[in-house]
């Protein structure tokens, strides 16, 4: 992202504290809920965010997505870390996580053939949306929810 690490860290902190990481869908679905997925394949999930931890070299939020409603147990729970790190004059945003497919060996087989691609596309879309919020760019949401809110205003201070 073409934004300094210090500014990106402040904006990600505010996104996590304000609930904006689930905010685009919160009005439609309720507190802490958002729709994740890619065009045509999405699911309502409860989003839990842990407070930002950071150093001068990295910052991160811990996230949990858990499917809600009827059939929620048929979807995996995702535990992930959203991380920022300085990258030259900008900032690198990454997300790493893990999930276990439901339904035992049948779920594992489905994951290998189809679901892993859907999960990877969902993560790419979510990271792109967060990056857009941090940088102030518009990102169209393929899952059908409203566009992300503008990033919190943080003045850049030159040192």
Protein backbone atom coordinates (compact mmCIF):
# COMPACT_ATOMS: atom_id res chain seq x y z
CA UNK A 1 0.00 0.00 0.00
CA UNK A 2 1.22 3.47 -0.74
CA UNK A 3 0.80 4.76 2.81
CA UNK A 4 3.40 4.96 5.56
CA UNK A 5 3.53 2.19 8.15
CA UNK A 6 2.77 4.64 10.98
CA UNK A 7 -0.36 5.95 9.26
CA UNK A 8 -1.47 2.44 8.19
CA UNK A 9 -1.06 1.23 11.79
CA UNK A 10 -3.14 4.13 13.17
CA UNK A 11 -5.87 3.54 10.58
CA UNK A 12 -5.97 -0.23 11.18
CA UNK A 13 -6.19 0.44 14.93
CA UNK A 14 -9.20 2.69 14.37
CA UNK A 15 -10.81 0.20 11.96
CA UNK A 16 -10.51 -2.54 14.58
CA UNK A 17 -11.76 -0.36 17.45
CA UNK A 18 -14.67 1.15 15.51
CA UNK A 19 -16.04 -2.15 14.21
CA UNK A 20 -15.48 -0.99 10.62
CA UNK A 21 -14.03 -4.39 9.69
CA UNK A 22 -17.59 -5.68 9.87
CA UNK A 23 -19.21 -2.26 9.52
CA UNK A 24 -20.26 -2.30 5.85
CA UNK A 25 -22.77 -5.07 6.58
CA UNK A 26 -23.48 -4.35 10.24
CA UNK A 27 -26.44 -2.04 9.51
CA UNK A 28 -28.10 -4.73 7.39
CA UNK A 29 -27.28 -7.80 9.50
CA UNK A 30 -26.66 -6.64 13.09
CA UNK A 31 -23.72 -5.87 15.40
CA UNK A 32 -20.56 -7.88 14.70
CA UNK A 33 -22.01 -9.54 11.60
CA UNK A 34 -20.85 -9.25 8.01
CA UNK A 35 -21.26 -11.13 4.76
CA UNK A 36 -18.05 -12.64 3.39
CA UNK A 37 -17.39 -14.47 0.19
CA UNK A 38 -17.12 -13.78 -3.50
CA UNK A 39 -19.77 -12.95 -6.08
CA UNK A 40 -22.51 -15.55 -5.92
CA UNK A 41 -21.03 -17.46 -2.96
CA UNK A 42 -21.26 -15.71 0.40
CA UNK A 43 -22.20 -16.45 4.01
CA UNK A 44 -23.17 -14.34 7.01
CA UNK A 45 -20.45 -14.55 9.66
CA UNK A 46 -19.90 -13.21 13.15
CA UNK A 47 -16.66 -11.24 13.22
CA UNK A 48 -14.53 -11.03 16.35
CA UNK A 49 -11.51 -8.73 16.38
CA UNK A 50 -8.81 -8.59 19.05
CA UNK A 51 -7.00 -5.35 19.87
CA UNK A 52 -4.10 -4.32 17.64
CA UNK A 53 -0.67 -5.36 18.86
CA UNK A 54 2.33 -3.62 17.34
CA UNK A 55 6.02 -2.85 17.36
CA UNK A 56 8.10 -0.57 15.14
CA UNK A 57 8.40 -3.44 12.63
CA UNK A 58 4.96 -5.07 12.57
CA UNK A 59 1.36 -4.63 13.69
CA UNK A 60 -1.51 -7.07 13.71
CA UNK A 61 -5.10 -7.84 14.57
CA UNK A 62 -6.41 -11.28 15.44
CA UNK A 63 -9.69 -12.11 13.66
CA UNK A 64 -12.24 -14.88 13.93
CA UNK A 65 -15.00 -15.50 11.39
CA UNK A 66 -17.71 -17.93 12.44
CA UNK A 67 -20.72 -18.71 10.24
CA UNK A 68 -24.10 -17.92 11.78
CA UNK A 69 -27.69 -18.93 11.24
CA UNK A 70 -29.11 -22.19 9.92
CA UNK A 71 -26.37 -24.46 8.65
CA UNK A 72 -23.64 -22.39 10.32
CA UNK A 73 -21.98 -25.57 11.58
CA UNK A 74 -21.47 -26.69 7.97
CA UNK A 75 -18.90 -23.92 7.45
CA UNK A 76 -15.40 -23.70 8.91
CA UNK A 77 -14.41 -21.23 11.60
CA UNK A 78 -11.52 -19.06 10.43
CA UNK A 79 -8.86 -17.86 12.88
CA UNK A 80 -6.49 -15.40 11.23
CA UNK A 81 -4.01 -12.60 11.78
CA UNK A 82 -4.16 -9.42 9.73
CA UNK A 83 -0.62 -7.96 9.66
CA UNK A 84 1.06 -4.73 8.60
CA UNK A 85 4.80 -4.29 8.03
CA UNK A 86 6.88 -1.48 6.55
CA UNK A 87 7.74 -2.16 2.90
CA UNK A 88 10.14 0.41 1.46
CA UNK A 89 8.22 3.69 1.42
CA UNK A 90 4.83 1.98 1.85
CA UNK A 91 3.26 -0.76 3.92
CA UNK A 92 2.61 -4.46 3.25
CA UNK A 93 -0.75 -5.86 4.39
CA UNK A 94 -1.07 -9.65 4.76
CA UNK A 95 -3.52 -12.09 6.27
CA UNK A 96 -2.64 -15.59 7.42
CA UNK A 97 -4.97 -18.01 9.07
CA UNK A 98 -6.25 -21.50 9.39
CA UNK A 99 -9.52 -23.35 9.30
CA UNK A 100 -10.63 -26.94 9.47
CA UNK A 101 -13.34 -27.99 7.04
CA UNK A 102 -16.44 -29.45 8.70
CA UNK A 103 -17.84 -32.92 7.93
CA UNK A 104 -14.61 -34.84 8.52
CA UNK A 105 -13.08 -36.61 5.52
CA UNK A 106 -15.94 -35.54 3.21
CA UNK A 107 -15.29 -31.89 4.12
CA UNK A 108 -11.55 -32.37 3.54
CA UNK A 109 -12.21 -33.81 0.09
CA UNK A 110 -14.55 -30.92 -0.80
CA UNK A 111 -11.94 -28.48 0.50
CA UNK A 112 -9.24 -29.96 -1.74
CA UNK A 113 -11.45 -29.83 -4.83
CA UNK A 114 -13.51 -26.64 -4.46
CA UNK A 115 -13.76 -24.93 -1.11
CA UNK A 116 -10.09 -23.96 -0.81
CA UNK A 117 -10.39 -21.80 -3.95
CA UNK A 118 -13.50 -20.08 -2.56
CA UNK A 119 -11.73 -19.49 0.77
CA UNK A 120 -8.64 -18.05 -0.96
CA UNK A 121 -10.79 -15.73 -3.10
CA UNK A 122 -12.71 -14.61 0.01
CA UNK A 123 -9.47 -13.79 1.85
CA UNK A 124 -8.07 -11.90 -1.16
CA UNK A 125 -11.28 -9.88 -1.40
CA UNK A 126 -11.31 -9.11 2.34
CA UNK A 127 -7.65 -8.01 2.35
CA UNK A 128 -8.29 -5.79 -0.68
CA UNK A 129 -11.25 -4.21 1.13
CA UNK A 130 -9.17 -3.55 4.26
CA UNK A 131 -6.37 -2.08 2.12
CA UNK A 132 -8.94 0.18 0.43
CA UNK A 133 -10.17 1.34 3.84
CA UNK A 134 -6.62 2.09 4.99
CA UNK A 135 -5.65 3.96 1.81
CA UNK A 136 -9.00 5.68 1.26
CA UNK A 137 -9.70 4.02 -2.10
CA UNK A 138 -13.08 2.60 -3.13
CA UNK A 139 -13.33 -1.18 -3.43
CA UNK A 140 -16.52 -2.70 -4.87
CA UNK A 141 -17.69 -5.55 -2.66
CA UNK A 142 -18.45 -8.68 -4.68
CA UNK A 143 -20.36 -10.30 -1.79
CA UNK A 144 -23.23 -7.84 -2.12
CA UNK A 145 -22.72 -5.63 0.92
CA UNK A 146 -22.27 -1.89 0.87
CA UNK A 147 -18.94 -0.36 -0.09
CA UNK A 148 -16.44 0.03 2.77
CA UNK A 149 -16.46 3.19 4.87
CA UNK A 150 -13.83 5.85 4.36
CA UNK A 151 -10.73 5.35 6.47
CA UNK A 152 -10.46 7.32 9.69
CA UNK A 153 -8.73 10.64 9.13
CA UNK A 154 -5.21 10.58 10.53
CA UNK A 155 -2.93 13.47 9.62
CA UNK A 156 0.49 12.38 8.37
CA UNK A 157 3.30 13.86 10.42
CA UNK A 158 6.71 14.20 8.78
CA UNK A 159 9.58 13.40 11.12
